[in-house]
Structure formats: C-alpha cells, structure tokens
Amino acid sequence: MKKLNAVVIDPVGLHARPATLAVSASAKFKCNVTVEKAEGGKAVNMKSIMAVMALGIPTQTEIVITCDGEDEETAIATIEEVLRKQNVIA
C-alpha cells in the first residue's frame, strides 16, 4: 500500500478540471485508488469523478491518496505528477 499526503494549494480547491485528470490517471491502473480528507474524512474511490467531487475539497485541505494493488507504485507516482502539474497540490 502506497500513500501520498499533500495539501491542496489551488485557490479553488480540488475542482472539476484537475479532478477529472486525476480520475482519468487513476482509472488506468489495476490497483484500488482512494482519496480522503486527512482530518477524519471518508475515503472514496478516486476512479469515480462523482465520488471525488462529492468530497468538496477546498484549498488548504490536507488530503491522503492511497493506492493498493499490483501497480500501486506507478499509480501513486502518476497521480502525484498529474496533480502537481496542475498546481493543485504541494
């Protein structure tokens, strides 16, 4: 299991455009991918845009992305790269 802790720095939070890119990246992998707010949030499937958007993650929120499965290392690295390129996380 691989985890990524990051802070959302986009002034709008984790909004539709970067969330869609992250969901698309997640969907390419066989492993389970979840995202949650670090402070007691509910973990949701990061392969579902509706689930990710339902979290309503605002700016300055710490999130935890977890990948668990056979290609977890590649998955976590790819998702992190996508979100960093979009200037969503720090």
C-alpha atoms as a PDB file:
ATOM      1  CA  MET A   1       0.000   0.000   0.000  1.00  0.00           C
ATOM      2  CA  LYS A   2       1.369   3.411  -1.017  1.00  0.00           C
ATOM      3  CA  LYS A   3       0.128   6.694   0.440  1.00  0.00           C
ATOM      4  CA  LEU A   4       0.577  10.292  -0.600  1.00  0.00           C
ATOM      5  CA  ASN A   5      -0.180  13.094   1.841  1.00  0.00           C
ATOM      6  CA  ALA A   6      -0.486  16.502   0.201  1.00  0.00           C
ATOM      7  CA  VAL A   7      -2.039  19.912   0.753  1.00  0.00           C
ATOM      8  CA  VAL A   8      -4.403  21.317  -1.881  1.00  0.00           C
ATOM      9  CA  ILE A   9      -2.965  24.708  -2.877  1.00  0.00           C
ATOM     10  CA  ASP A  10      -5.242  25.611  -5.778  1.00  0.00           C
ATOM     11  CA  PRO A  11      -7.281  28.665  -4.685  1.00  0.00           C
ATOM     12  CA  VAL A  12     -10.462  26.941  -5.892  1.00  0.00           C
ATOM     13  CA  GLY A  13      -9.625  23.619  -4.224  1.00  0.00           C
ATOM     14  CA  LEU A  14      -9.782  20.273  -5.995  1.00  0.00           C
ATOM     15  CA  HIS A  15     -12.155  21.391  -8.731  1.00  0.00           C
ATOM     16  CA  ALA A  16     -13.528  19.696 -11.848  1.00  0.00           C
ATOM     17  CA  ARG A  17     -10.652  20.065 -14.329  1.00  0.00           C
ATOM     18  CA  PRO A  18      -7.803  18.667 -12.206  1.00  0.00           C
ATOM     19  CA  ALA A  19     -10.117  16.154 -10.551  1.00  0.00           C
ATOM     20  CA  THR A  20     -11.065  14.822 -13.990  1.00  0.00           C
ATOM     21  CA  LEU A  21      -7.405  14.472 -14.943  1.00  0.00           C
ATOM     22  CA  ALA A  22      -6.614  12.680 -11.680  1.00  0.00           C
ATOM     23  CA  VAL A  23      -9.599  10.342 -12.094  1.00  0.00           C
ATOM     24  CA  SER A  24      -8.533   9.557 -15.674  1.00  0.00           C
ATOM     25  CA  ALA A  25      -4.996   8.806 -14.493  1.00  0.00           C
ATOM     26  CA  SER A  26      -6.316   6.600 -11.666  1.00  0.00           C
ATOM     27  CA  ALA A  27      -8.561   4.630 -13.986  1.00  0.00           C
ATOM     28  CA  LYS A  28      -5.555   3.373 -15.993  1.00  0.00           C
ATOM     29  CA  PHE A  29      -4.324   1.255 -13.090  1.00  0.00           C
ATOM     30  CA  LYS A  30      -5.477  -2.077 -11.696  1.00  0.00           C
ATOM     31  CA  CYS A  31      -4.899  -1.151  -8.059  1.00  0.00           C
ATOM     32  CA  ASN A  32      -7.521   0.348  -5.770  1.00  0.00           C
ATOM     33  CA  VAL A  33      -7.136   4.126  -5.530  1.00  0.00           C
ATOM     34  CA  THR A  34      -8.827   6.202  -2.836  1.00  0.00           C
ATOM     35  CA  VAL A  35      -8.721   9.834  -1.754  1.00  0.00           C
ATOM     36  CA  GLU A  36      -9.854  11.352   1.520  1.00  0.00           C
ATOM     37  CA  LYS A  37      -9.519  14.467   3.634  1.00  0.00           C
ATOM     38  CA  ALA A  38      -6.741  13.834   6.165  1.00  0.00           C
ATOM     39  CA  GLU A  39      -8.824  15.057   9.101  1.00  0.00           C
ATOM     40  CA  GLY A  40     -11.248  12.184   9.549  1.00  0.00           C
ATOM     41  CA  GLY A  41     -12.563  12.192   6.020  1.00  0.00           C
ATOM     42  CA  LYS A  42     -14.345   9.363   4.278  1.00  0.00           C
ATOM     43  CA  ALA A  43     -12.186   7.560   1.712  1.00  0.00           C
ATOM     44  CA  VAL A  44     -13.776   7.460  -1.746  1.00  0.00           C
ATOM     45  CA  ASN A  45     -12.891   5.705  -4.978  1.00  0.00           C
ATOM     46  CA  MET A  46     -10.594   8.035  -6.939  1.00  0.00           C
ATOM     47  CA  LYS A  47     -11.685   6.353 -10.159  1.00  0.00           C
ATOM     48  CA  SER A  48     -15.120   7.981  -9.796  1.00  0.00           C
ATOM     49  CA  ILE A  49     -15.424  11.675 -10.651  1.00  0.00           C
ATOM     50  CA  MET A  50     -18.733  11.898  -8.805  1.00  0.00           C
ATOM     51  CA  ALA A  51     -17.197  10.498  -5.618  1.00  0.00           C
ATOM     52  CA  VAL A  52     -14.185  12.825  -5.788  1.00  0.00           C
ATOM     53  CA  MET A  53     -16.304  15.912  -6.471  1.00  0.00           C
ATOM     54  CA  ALA A  54     -18.718  14.957  -3.669  1.00  0.00           C
ATOM     55  CA  LEU A  55     -15.871  15.391  -1.167  1.00  0.00           C
ATOM     56  CA  GLY A  56     -15.831  19.128  -1.898  1.00  0.00           C
ATOM     57  CA  ILE A  57     -12.130  19.535  -1.106  1.00  0.00           C
ATOM     58  CA  PRO A  58     -11.342  23.229  -0.561  1.00  0.00           C
ATOM     59  CA  THR A  59      -7.963  24.957  -0.718  1.00  0.00           C
ATOM     60  CA  GLN A  60      -5.521  24.395   2.157  1.00  0.00           C
ATOM     61  CA  THR A  61      -7.017  20.963   2.910  1.00  0.00           C
ATOM     62  CA  GLU A  62      -4.663  18.063   3.527  1.00  0.00           C
ATOM     63  CA  ILE A  63      -5.627  15.001   1.505  1.00  0.00           C
ATOM     64  CA  VAL A  64      -4.458  11.400   1.542  1.00  0.00           C
ATOM     65  CA  ILE A  65      -4.327   9.401  -1.679  1.00  0.00           C
ATOM     66  CA  THR A  66      -3.887   5.654  -1.242  1.00  0.00           C
ATOM     67  CA  CYS A  67      -3.035   3.066  -3.877  1.00  0.00           C
ATOM     68  CA  ASP A  68      -3.242  -0.619  -3.014  1.00  0.00           C
ATOM     69  CA  GLY A  69      -2.540  -3.361  -5.531  1.00  0.00           C
ATOM     70  CA  GLU A  70      -0.093  -4.728  -8.051  1.00  0.00           C
ATOM     71  CA  ASP A  71       0.773  -1.426  -9.817  1.00  0.00           C
ATOM     72  CA  GLU A  72       0.474   0.850  -6.760  1.00  0.00           C
ATOM     73  CA  GLU A  73       3.933   2.435  -7.065  1.00  0.00           C
ATOM     74  CA  THR A  74       3.404   3.551 -10.644  1.00  0.00           C
ATOM     75  CA  ALA A  75      -0.142   4.668  -9.866  1.00  0.00           C
ATOM     76  CA  ILE A  76       0.771   6.892  -6.910  1.00  0.00           C
ATOM     77  CA  ALA A  77       3.663   8.471  -8.833  1.00  0.00           C
ATOM     78  CA  THR A  78       1.456   9.162 -11.864  1.00  0.00           C
ATOM     79  CA  ILE A  79      -1.394  10.668  -9.849  1.00  0.00           C
ATOM     80  CA  GLU A  80       1.034  12.859  -7.894  1.00  0.00           C
ATOM     81  CA  GLU A  81       2.626  14.061 -11.136  1.00  0.00           C
ATOM     82  CA  VAL A  82      -0.763  14.914 -12.658  1.00  0.00           C
ATOM     83  CA  LEU A  83      -1.865  16.924  -9.614  1.00  0.00           C
ATOM     84  CA  ARG A  84       1.481  18.726  -9.292  1.00  0.00           C
ATOM     85  CA  LYS A  85       1.498  19.675 -12.997  1.00  0.00           C
ATOM     86  CA  GLN A  86      -1.931  21.235 -12.489  1.00  0.00           C
ATOM     87  CA  ASN A  87      -0.608  23.142  -9.424  1.00  0.00           C
ATOM     88  CA  VAL A  88      -3.271  21.535  -7.256  1.00  0.00           C
ATOM     89  CA  ILE A  89      -1.068  20.040  -4.535  1.00  0.00           C
ATOM     90  CA  ALA A  90       2.134  20.943  -2.751  1.00  0.00           C
END
